PDB file of all heavy atoms in Angstrom:
ATOM      1  N   THR A   1      -3.632 -39.787  52.187  1.00  0.00           N
ATOM      2  CA  THR A   1      -4.612 -40.414  51.273  1.00  0.00           C
ATOM      3  C   THR A   1      -6.030 -40.065  51.670  1.00  0.00           C
ATOM      4  O   THR A   1      -6.893 -39.753  50.844  1.00  0.00           O
ATOM      5  CB  THR A   1      -4.418 -41.932  51.270  1.00  0.00           C
ATOM      6  OG1 THR A   1      -3.075 -42.225  50.908  1.00  0.00           O
ATOM      7  CG2 THR A   1      -5.365 -42.597  50.294  1.00  0.00           C
ATOM      8  N   ALA A   2      -6.296 -40.092  53.016  1.00  0.00           N
ATOM      9  CA  ALA A   2      -7.637 -39.748  53.491  1.00  0.00           C
ATOM     10  C   ALA A   2      -7.969 -38.299  53.194  1.00  0.00           C
ATOM     11  O   ALA A   2      -9.090 -37.955  52.794  1.00  0.00           O
ATOM     12  CB  ALA A   2      -7.747 -40.026  54.995  1.00  0.00           C
ATOM     13  N   ALA A   3      -6.963 -37.403  53.350  1.00  0.00           N
ATOM     14  CA  ALA A   3      -7.211 -35.994  53.063  1.00  0.00           C
ATOM     15  C   ALA A   3      -7.456 -35.761  51.588  1.00  0.00           C
ATOM     16  O   ALA A   3      -8.292 -34.945  51.182  1.00  0.00           O
ATOM     17  CB  ALA A   3      -5.999 -35.157  53.540  1.00  0.00           C
ATOM     18  N   THR A   4      -6.752 -36.516  50.757  1.00  0.00           N
ATOM     19  CA  THR A   4      -6.957 -36.395  49.307  1.00  0.00           C
ATOM     20  C   THR A   4      -8.364 -36.819  48.908  1.00  0.00           C
ATOM     21  O   THR A   4      -9.039 -36.180  48.100  1.00  0.00           O
ATOM     22  CB  THR A   4      -5.921 -37.222  48.553  1.00  0.00           C
ATOM     23  OG1 THR A   4      -4.620 -36.787  48.965  1.00  0.00           O
ATOM     24  CG2 THR A   4      -6.063 -37.052  47.061  1.00  0.00           C
ATOM     25  N   LEU A   5      -8.822 -37.944  49.470  1.00  0.00           N
ATOM     26  CA  LEU A   5     -10.172 -38.433  49.179  1.00  0.00           C
ATOM     27  C   LEU A   5     -11.226 -37.428  49.632  1.00  0.00           C
ATOM     28  O   LEU A   5     -12.209 -37.169  48.950  1.00  0.00           O
ATOM     29  CB  LEU A   5     -10.398 -39.782  49.854  1.00  0.00           C
ATOM     30  CG  LEU A   5      -9.566 -40.959  49.302  1.00  0.00           C
ATOM     31  CD1 LEU A   5      -9.810 -42.213  50.122  1.00  0.00           C
ATOM     32  CD2 LEU A   5      -9.909 -41.191  47.837  1.00  0.00           C
ATOM     33  N   ALA A   6     -10.993 -36.833  50.833  1.00  0.00           N
ATOM     34  CA  ALA A   6     -11.952 -35.836  51.323  1.00  0.00           C
ATOM     35  C   ALA A   6     -11.989 -34.630  50.411  1.00  0.00           C
ATOM     36  O   ALA A   6     -13.053 -34.068  50.124  1.00  0.00           O
ATOM     37  CB  ALA A   6     -11.589 -35.430  52.754  1.00  0.00           C
ATOM     38  N   ALA A   7     -10.830 -34.224  49.910  1.00  0.00           N
ATOM     39  CA  ALA A   7     -10.784 -33.083  49.011  1.00  0.00           C
ATOM     40  C   ALA A   7     -11.498 -33.376  47.706  1.00  0.00           C
ATOM     41  O   ALA A   7     -12.186 -32.526  47.127  1.00  0.00           O
ATOM     42  CB  ALA A   7      -9.322 -32.679  48.746  1.00  0.00           C
ATOM     43  N   VAL A   8     -11.320 -34.620  47.238  1.00  0.00           N
ATOM     44  CA  VAL A   8     -12.008 -35.009  46.006  1.00  0.00           C
ATOM     45  C   VAL A   8     -13.512 -34.983  46.196  1.00  0.00           C
ATOM     46  O   VAL A   8     -14.277 -34.523  45.347  1.00  0.00           O
ATOM     47  CB  VAL A   8     -11.511 -36.387  45.545  1.00  0.00           C
ATOM     48  CG1 VAL A   8     -12.375 -36.895  44.394  1.00  0.00           C
ATOM     49  CG2 VAL A   8     -10.057 -36.317  45.138  1.00  0.00           C
ATOM     50  N   VAL A   9     -13.958 -35.491  47.382  1.00  0.00           N
ATOM     51  CA  VAL A   9     -15.394 -35.500  47.659  1.00  0.00           C
ATOM     52  C   VAL A   9     -15.924 -34.089  47.743  1.00  0.00           C
ATOM     53  O   VAL A   9     -16.952 -33.733  47.157  1.00  0.00           O
ATOM     54  CB  VAL A   9     -15.680 -36.284  48.954  1.00  0.00           C
ATOM     55  CG1 VAL A   9     -17.145 -36.130  49.355  1.00  0.00           C
ATOM     56  CG2 VAL A   9     -15.316 -37.734  48.773  1.00  0.00           C
ATOM     57  N   VAL A  10     -15.183 -33.190  48.460  1.00  0.00           N
ATOM     58  CA  VAL A  10     -15.617 -31.806  48.566  1.00  0.00           C
ATOM     59  C   VAL A  10     -15.611 -31.129  47.214  1.00  0.00           C
ATOM     60  O   VAL A  10     -16.532 -30.397  46.846  1.00  0.00           O
ATOM     61  CB  VAL A  10     -14.720 -31.052  49.573  1.00  0.00           C
ATOM     62  CG1 VAL A  10     -15.033 -29.563  49.562  1.00  0.00           C
ATOM     63  CG2 VAL A  10     -14.901 -31.624  50.975  1.00  0.00           C
ATOM     64  N   SER A  11     -14.564 -31.382  46.422  1.00  0.00           N
ATOM     65  CA  SER A  11     -14.495 -30.780  45.090  1.00  0.00           C
ATOM     66  C   SER A  11     -15.631 -31.259  44.200  1.00  0.00           C
ATOM     67  O   SER A  11     -16.239 -30.491  43.463  1.00  0.00           O
ATOM     68  CB  SER A  11     -13.133 -31.100  44.458  1.00  0.00           C
ATOM     69  OG  SER A  11     -13.086 -30.606  43.152  1.00  0.00           O
ATOM     70  N   THR A  12     -15.932 -32.569  44.291  1.00  0.00           N
ATOM     71  CA  THR A  12     -17.023 -33.113  43.474  1.00  0.00           C
ATOM     72  C   THR A  12     -18.365 -32.504  43.858  1.00  0.00           C
ATOM     73  O   THR A  12     -19.168 -32.100  43.018  1.00  0.00           O
ATOM     74  CB  THR A  12     -17.071 -34.643  43.624  1.00  0.00           C
ATOM     75  OG1 THR A  12     -15.799 -35.166  43.282  1.00  0.00           O
ATOM     76  CG2 THR A  12     -18.141 -35.233  42.729  1.00  0.00           C
ATOM     77  N   SER A  13     -18.624 -32.430  45.183  1.00  0.00           N
ATOM     78  CA  SER A  13     -19.885 -31.825  45.620  1.00  0.00           C
ATOM     79  C   SER A  13     -19.952 -30.361  45.254  1.00  0.00           C
ATOM     80  O   SER A  13     -20.991 -29.848  44.876  1.00  0.00           O
ATOM     81  CB  SER A  13     -20.048 -32.000  47.142  1.00  0.00           C
ATOM     82  OG  SER A  13     -18.968 -31.344  47.812  1.00  0.00           O
ATOM     83  N   GLY A  14     -18.822 -29.679  45.286  1.00  0.00           N
ATOM     84  CA  GLY A  14     -18.803 -28.275  44.886  1.00  0.00           C
ATOM     85  C   GLY A  14     -19.098 -28.103  43.421  1.00  0.00           C
ATOM     86  O   GLY A  14     -19.797 -27.184  43.014  1.00  0.00           O
ATOM     87  N   VAL A  15     -18.613 -29.024  42.596  1.00  0.00           N
ATOM     88  CA  VAL A  15     -18.919 -28.965  41.165  1.00  0.00           C
ATOM     89  C   VAL A  15     -20.404 -29.167  40.922  1.00  0.00           C
ATOM     90  O   VAL A  15     -21.029 -28.491  40.121  1.00  0.00           O
ATOM     91  CB  VAL A  15     -18.063 -29.998  40.409  1.00  0.00           C
ATOM     92  CG1 VAL A  15     -18.515 -30.094  38.970  1.00  0.00           C
ATOM     93  CG2 VAL A  15     -16.594 -29.621  40.490  1.00  0.00           C
ATOM     94  N   VAL A  16     -20.967 -30.110  41.685  1.00  0.00           N
ATOM     95  CA  VAL A  16     -22.399 -30.364  41.520  1.00  0.00           C
ATOM     96  C   VAL A  16     -23.211 -29.140  41.892  1.00  0.00           C
ATOM     97  O   VAL A  16     -24.131 -28.727  41.198  1.00  0.00           O
ATOM     98  CB  VAL A  16     -22.815 -31.598  42.351  1.00  0.00           C
ATOM     99  CG1 VAL A  16     -24.328 -31.775  42.320  1.00  0.00           C
ATOM    100  CG2 VAL A  16     -22.106 -32.827  41.845  1.00  0.00           C
ATOM    101  N   VAL A  17     -22.817 -28.517  43.010  1.00  0.00           N
ATOM    102  CA  VAL A  17     -23.545 -27.322  43.433  1.00  0.00           C
ATOM    103  C   VAL A  17     -23.375 -26.214  42.430  1.00  0.00           C
ATOM    104  O   VAL A  17     -24.306 -25.488  42.098  1.00  0.00           O
ATOM    105  CB  VAL A  17     -23.063 -26.885  44.839  1.00  0.00           C
ATOM    106  CG1 VAL A  17     -23.697 -25.548  45.215  1.00  0.00           C
ATOM    107  CG2 VAL A  17     -23.401 -27.948  45.860  1.00  0.00           C
ATOM    108  N   ALA A  18     -22.166 -26.088  41.902  1.00  0.00           N
ATOM    109  CA  ALA A  18     -21.918 -25.046  40.912  1.00  0.00           C
ATOM    110  C   ALA A  18     -22.736 -25.285  39.656  1.00  0.00           C
ATOM    111  O   ALA A  18     -23.186 -24.351  38.999  1.00  0.00           O
ATOM    112  CB  ALA A  18     -20.429 -24.982  40.579  1.00  0.00           C
ATOM    113  N   ASP A  19     -22.944 -26.589  39.302  1.00  0.00           N
ATOM    114  CA  ASP A  19     -23.748 -26.880  38.124  1.00  0.00           C
ATOM    115  C   ASP A  19     -25.212 -26.533  38.360  1.00  0.00           C
ATOM    116  O   ASP A  19     -25.932 -26.146  37.436  1.00  0.00           O
ATOM    117  CB  ASP A  19     -23.607 -28.355  37.750  1.00  0.00           C
ATOM    118  CG  ASP A  19     -22.219 -28.650  37.178  1.00  0.00           C
ATOM    119  OD1 ASP A  19     -21.543 -27.681  36.735  1.00  0.00           O
ATOM    120  OD2 ASP A  19     -21.835 -29.816  37.199  1.00  0.00           O
ATOM    121  N   GLU A  20     -25.662 -26.715  39.620  1.00  0.00           N
ATOM    122  CA  GLU A  20     -27.072 -26.454  39.900  1.00  0.00           C
ATOM    123  C   GLU A  20     -27.352 -24.961  39.958  1.00  0.00           C
ATOM    124  O   GLU A  20     -28.264 -24.457  39.317  1.00  0.00           O
ATOM    125  CB  GLU A  20     -27.486 -27.138  41.199  1.00  0.00           C
ATOM    126  CG  GLU A  20     -27.478 -28.667  41.100  1.00  0.00           C
ATOM    127  CD  GLU A  20     -27.892 -29.311  42.407  1.00  0.00           C
ATOM    128  OE1 GLU A  20     -28.061 -28.567  43.397  1.00  0.00           O
ATOM    129  OE2 GLU A  20     -28.057 -30.521  42.433  1.00  0.00           O
ATOM    130  N   VAL A  21     -26.607 -24.234  40.749  1.00  0.00           N
ATOM    131  CA  VAL A  21     -26.817 -22.798  40.892  1.00  0.00           C
ATOM    132  C   VAL A  21     -25.464 -22.111  40.827  1.00  0.00           C
ATOM    133  O   VAL A  21     -24.599 -22.349  41.665  1.00  0.00           O
ATOM    134  CB  VAL A  21     -27.518 -22.455  42.230  1.00  0.00           C
ATOM    135  CG1 VAL A  21     -27.714 -20.945  42.342  1.00  0.00           C
ATOM    136  CG2 VAL A  21     -28.827 -23.185  42.352  1.00  0.00           C
ATOM    137  N   LYS A  22     -25.226 -21.297  39.848  1.00  0.00           N
ATOM    138  CA  LYS A  22     -23.976 -20.555  39.728  1.00  0.00           C
ATOM    139  C   LYS A  22     -24.024 -19.347  40.639  1.00  0.00           C
ATOM    140  O   LYS A  22     -25.064 -18.699  40.770  1.00  0.00           O
ATOM    141  CB  LYS A  22     -23.766 -20.124  38.284  1.00  0.00           C
ATOM    142  CG  LYS A  22     -23.548 -21.285  37.336  1.00  0.00           C
ATOM    143  CD  LYS A  22     -23.293 -20.789  35.934  1.00  0.00           C
ATOM    144  CE  LYS A  22     -23.063 -21.959  34.994  1.00  0.00           C
ATOM    145  NZ  LYS A  22     -22.797 -21.503  33.615  1.00  0.00           N
ATOM    146  N   PRO A  23     -22.927 -19.050  41.258  1.00  0.00           N
ATOM    147  CA  PRO A  23     -22.897 -17.877  42.152  1.00  0.00           C
ATOM    148  C   PRO A  23     -23.198 -16.606  41.379  1.00  0.00           C
ATOM    149  O   PRO A  23     -22.729 -16.392  40.275  1.00  0.00           O
ATOM    150  CB  PRO A  23     -21.464 -17.890  42.694  1.00  0.00           C
ATOM    151  CG  PRO A  23     -20.977 -19.271  42.475  1.00  0.00           C
ATOM    152  CD  PRO A  23     -21.656 -19.772  41.263  1.00  0.00           C
ATOM    153  N   GLY A  24     -24.017 -15.738  41.999  1.00  0.00           N
ATOM    154  CA  GLY A  24     -24.330 -14.447  41.398  1.00  0.00           C
ATOM    155  C   GLY A  24     -25.398 -14.480  40.326  1.00  0.00           C
ATOM    156  O   GLY A  24     -25.598 -13.487  39.628  1.00  0.00           O
ATOM    157  N   THR A  25     -26.069 -15.633  40.110  1.00  0.00           N
ATOM    158  CA  THR A  25     -27.128 -15.731  39.097  1.00  0.00           C
ATOM    159  C   THR A  25     -28.430 -16.122  39.760  1.00  0.00           C
ATOM    160  O   THR A  25     -28.458 -16.735  40.834  1.00  0.00           O
ATOM    161  CB  THR A  25     -26.780 -16.774  38.026  1.00  0.00           C
ATOM    162  OG1 THR A  25     -26.621 -18.040  38.652  1.00  0.00           O
ATOM    163  CG2 THR A  25     -25.495 -16.388  37.301  1.00  0.00           C
ATOM    164  N   VAL A  26     -29.547 -15.782  39.117  1.00  0.00           N
ATOM    165  CA  VAL A  26     -30.884 -16.119  39.625  1.00  0.00           C
ATOM    166  C   VAL A  26     -31.357 -17.384  38.933  1.00  0.00           C
ATOM    167  O   VAL A  26     -31.295 -17.479  37.700  1.00  0.00           O
ATOM    168  CB  VAL A  26     -31.868 -14.962  39.353  1.00  0.00           C
ATOM    169  CG1 VAL A  26     -33.266 -15.315  39.868  1.00  0.00           C
ATOM    170  CG2 VAL A  26     -31.356 -13.694  40.021  1.00  0.00           C
ATOM    171  N   PRO A  27     -31.786 -18.365  39.684  1.00  0.00           N
ATOM    172  CA  PRO A  27     -32.255 -19.607  39.033  1.00  0.00           C
ATOM    173  C   PRO A  27     -33.461 -19.337  38.134  1.00  0.00           C
ATOM    174  O   PRO A  27     -34.292 -18.483  38.427  1.00  0.00           O
ATOM    175  CB  PRO A  27     -32.612 -20.516  40.213  1.00  0.00           C
ATOM    176  CG  PRO A  27     -32.818 -19.608  41.370  1.00  0.00           C
ATOM    177  CD  PRO A  27     -31.900 -18.438  41.159  1.00  0.00           C
ATOM    178  N   ALA A  28     -33.489 -20.057  37.021  1.00  0.00           N
ATOM    179  CA  ALA A  28     -34.594 -19.884  36.067  1.00  0.00           C
ATOM    180  C   ALA A  28     -35.906 -20.332  36.677  1.00  0.00           C
ATOM    181  O   ALA A  28     -35.966 -21.356  37.359  1.00  0.00           O
ATOM    182  CB  ALA A  28     -34.311 -20.669  34.796  1.00  0.00           C
ATOM    183  N   ALA A  29     -36.954 -19.542  36.428  1.00  0.00           N
ATOM    184  CA  ALA A  29     -38.274 -19.881  36.972  1.00  0.00           C
ATOM    185  C   ALA A  29     -38.872 -21.037  36.196  1.00  0.00           C
ATOM    186  O   ALA A  29     -38.684 -21.180  34.991  1.00  0.00           O
ATOM    187  CB  ALA A  29     -39.188 -18.661  36.894  1.00  0.00           C
ATOM    188  N   LYS A  30     -39.597 -21.866  36.905  1.00  0.00           N
ATOM    189  CA  LYS A  30     -40.268 -22.994  36.259  1.00  0.00           C
ATOM    190  C   LYS A  30     -41.429 -22.490  35.403  1.00  0.00           C
ATOM    191  O   LYS A  30     -42.083 -21.507  35.764  1.00  0.00           O
ATOM    192  CB  LYS A  30     -40.795 -23.965  37.309  1.00  0.00           C
ATOM    193  CG  LYS A  30     -39.699 -24.633  38.121  1.00  0.00           C
ATOM    194  CD  LYS A  30     -40.297 -25.625  39.104  1.00  0.00           C
ATOM    195  CE  LYS A  30     -39.198 -26.319  39.916  1.00  0.00           C
ATOM    196  NZ  LYS A  30     -39.774 -27.293  40.876  1.00  0.00           N
ATOM    197  N   PRO A  31     -41.687 -23.147  34.274  1.00  0.00           N
ATOM    198  CA  PRO A  31     -42.811 -22.692  33.429  1.00  0.00           C
ATOM    199  C   PRO A  31     -44.136 -22.834  34.153  1.00  0.00           C
ATOM    200  O   PRO A  31     -44.363 -23.795  34.881  1.00  0.00           O
ATOM    201  CB  PRO A  31     -42.731 -23.626  32.211  1.00  0.00           C
ATOM    202  CG  PRO A  31     -41.972 -24.813  32.694  1.00  0.00           C
ATOM    203  CD  PRO A  31     -40.991 -24.308  33.720  1.00  0.00           C
ATOM    204  N   ALA A  32     -45.004 -21.846  33.966  1.00  0.00           N
ATOM    205  CA  ALA A  32     -46.312 -21.858  34.629  1.00  0.00           C
ATOM    206  C   ALA A  32     -47.175 -22.972  34.051  1.00  0.00           C
ATOM    207  O   ALA A  32     -47.116 -23.270  32.858  1.00  0.00           O
ATOM    208  CB  ALA A  32     -47.000 -20.509  34.439  1.00  0.00           C
ATOM    209  N   PRO A  33     -47.964 -23.624  34.902  1.00  0.00           N
ATOM    210  CA  PRO A  33     -48.848 -24.680  34.388  1.00  0.00           C
ATOM    211  C   PRO A  33     -49.888 -24.104  33.440  1.00  0.00           C
ATOM    212  O   PRO A  33     -50.279 -22.940  33.567  1.00  0.00           O
ATOM    213  CB  PRO A  33     -49.491 -25.246  35.660  1.00  0.00           C
ATOM    214  CG  PRO A  33     -49.413 -24.123  36.652  1.00  0.00           C
ATOM    215  CD  PRO A  33     -48.135 -23.403  36.340  1.00  0.00           C
ATOM    216  N   PRO A  34     -50.346 -24.877  32.486  1.00  0.00           N
ATOM    217  CA  PRO A  34     -51.361 -24.369  31.543  1.00  0.00           C
ATOM    218  C   PRO A  34     -52.647 -24.038  32.269  1.00  0.00           C
ATOM    219  O   PRO A  34     -52.991 -24.665  33.271  1.00  0.00           O
ATOM    220  CB  PRO A  34     -51.548 -25.529  30.561  1.00  0.00           C
ATOM    221  CG  PRO A  34     -51.108 -26.735  31.324  1.00  0.00           C
ATOM    222  CD  PRO A  34     -50.007 -26.278  32.232  1.00  0.00           C
ATOM    223  N   PRO A  35     -53.375 -23.035  31.811  1.00  0.00           N
ATOM    224  CA  PRO A  35     -54.644 -22.672  32.470  1.00  0.00           C
ATOM    225  C   PRO A  35     -55.657 -23.808  32.346  1.00  0.00           C
ATOM    226  O   PRO A  35     -55.628 -24.599  31.403  1.00  0.00           O
ATOM    227  CB  PRO A  35     -55.102 -21.433  31.690  1.00  0.00           C
ATOM    228  CG  PRO A  35     -54.429 -21.552  30.359  1.00  0.00           C
ATOM    229  CD  PRO A  35     -53.106 -22.215  30.630  1.00  0.00           C
ATOM    230  N   PRO A  36     -56.548 -23.913  33.319  1.00  0.00           N
ATOM    231  CA  PRO A  36     -57.566 -24.988  33.236  1.00  0.00           C
ATOM    232  C   PRO A  36     -58.456 -24.812  32.018  1.00  0.00           C
ATOM    233  O   PRO A  36     -58.770 -23.701  31.605  1.00  0.00           O
ATOM    234  CB  PRO A  36     -58.348 -24.815  34.547  1.00  0.00           C
ATOM    235  CG  PRO A  36     -58.116 -23.389  34.946  1.00  0.00           C
ATOM    236  CD  PRO A  36     -56.714 -23.060  34.499  1.00  0.00           C
ATOM    237  N   ALA A  37     -58.817 -25.945  31.469  1.00  0.00           N
ATOM    238  CA  ALA A  37     -59.662 -25.916  30.273  1.00  0.00           C
ATOM    239  C   ALA A  37     -61.043 -25.376  30.619  1.00  0.00           C
ATOM    240  O   ALA A  37     -61.647 -25.778  31.616  1.00  0.00           O
ATOM    241  CB  ALA A  37     -59.776 -27.308  29.675  1.00  0.00           C
ATOM    242  N   GLY A  38     -61.527 -24.457  29.825  1.00  0.00           N
ATOM    243  CA  GLY A  38     -62.846 -23.886  30.048  1.00  0.00           C
ATOM    244  C   GLY A  38     -63.933 -24.782  29.500  1.00  0.00           C
ATOM    245  O   GLY A  38     -63.671 -25.887  28.981  1.00  0.00           O
ATOM    246  N   PRO A  39     -65.172 -24.378  29.588  1.00  0.00           N
ATOM    247  CA  PRO A  39     -66.273 -25.182  29.049  1.00  0.00           C
ATOM    248  C   PRO A  39     -66.154 -25.302  27.543  1.00  0.00           C
ATOM    249  O   PRO A  39     -65.647 -24.408  26.870  1.00  0.00           O
ATOM    250  CB  PRO A  39     -67.531 -24.382  29.452  1.00  0.00           C
ATOM    251  CG  PRO A  39     -67.030 -22.983  29.652  1.00  0.00           C
ATOM    252  CD  PRO A  39     -65.622 -23.114  30.156  1.00  0.00           C
ATOM    253  N   PRO A  40     -66.573 -26.433  26.996  1.00  0.00           N
ATOM    254  CA  PRO A  40     -66.466 -26.613  25.538  1.00  0.00           C
ATOM    255  C   PRO A  40     -67.275 -25.568  24.784  1.00  0.00           C
ATOM    256  O   PRO A  40     -68.371 -25.175  25.199  1.00  0.00           O
ATOM    257  CB  PRO A  40     -67.049 -28.023  25.309  1.00  0.00           C
ATOM    258  CG  PRO A  40     -67.893 -28.289  26.519  1.00  0.00           C
ATOM    259  CD  PRO A  40     -67.221 -27.567  27.667  1.00  0.00           C
ATOM    260  N   ALA A  41     -66.707 -25.108  23.713  1.00  0.00           N
ATOM    261  CA  ALA A  41     -67.389 -24.086  22.907  1.00  0.00           C
ATOM    262  C   ALA A  41     -68.659 -24.661  22.300  1.00  0.00           C
ATOM    263  O   ALA A  41     -68.683 -25.798  21.810  1.00  0.00           O
ATOM    264  CB  ALA A  41     -66.457 -23.584  21.813  1.00  0.00           C
TER     265      ALA A  41
END
């Protein structure tokens, strides 16, 4: 029973990791912040 629970925990954490970053793929870059507002026209 203890081994089963450990496997479930490992499997669950592995699913979470797989959801975050898939093997062999590059994580998407975060969008760049907007440029600072210039002086009013």
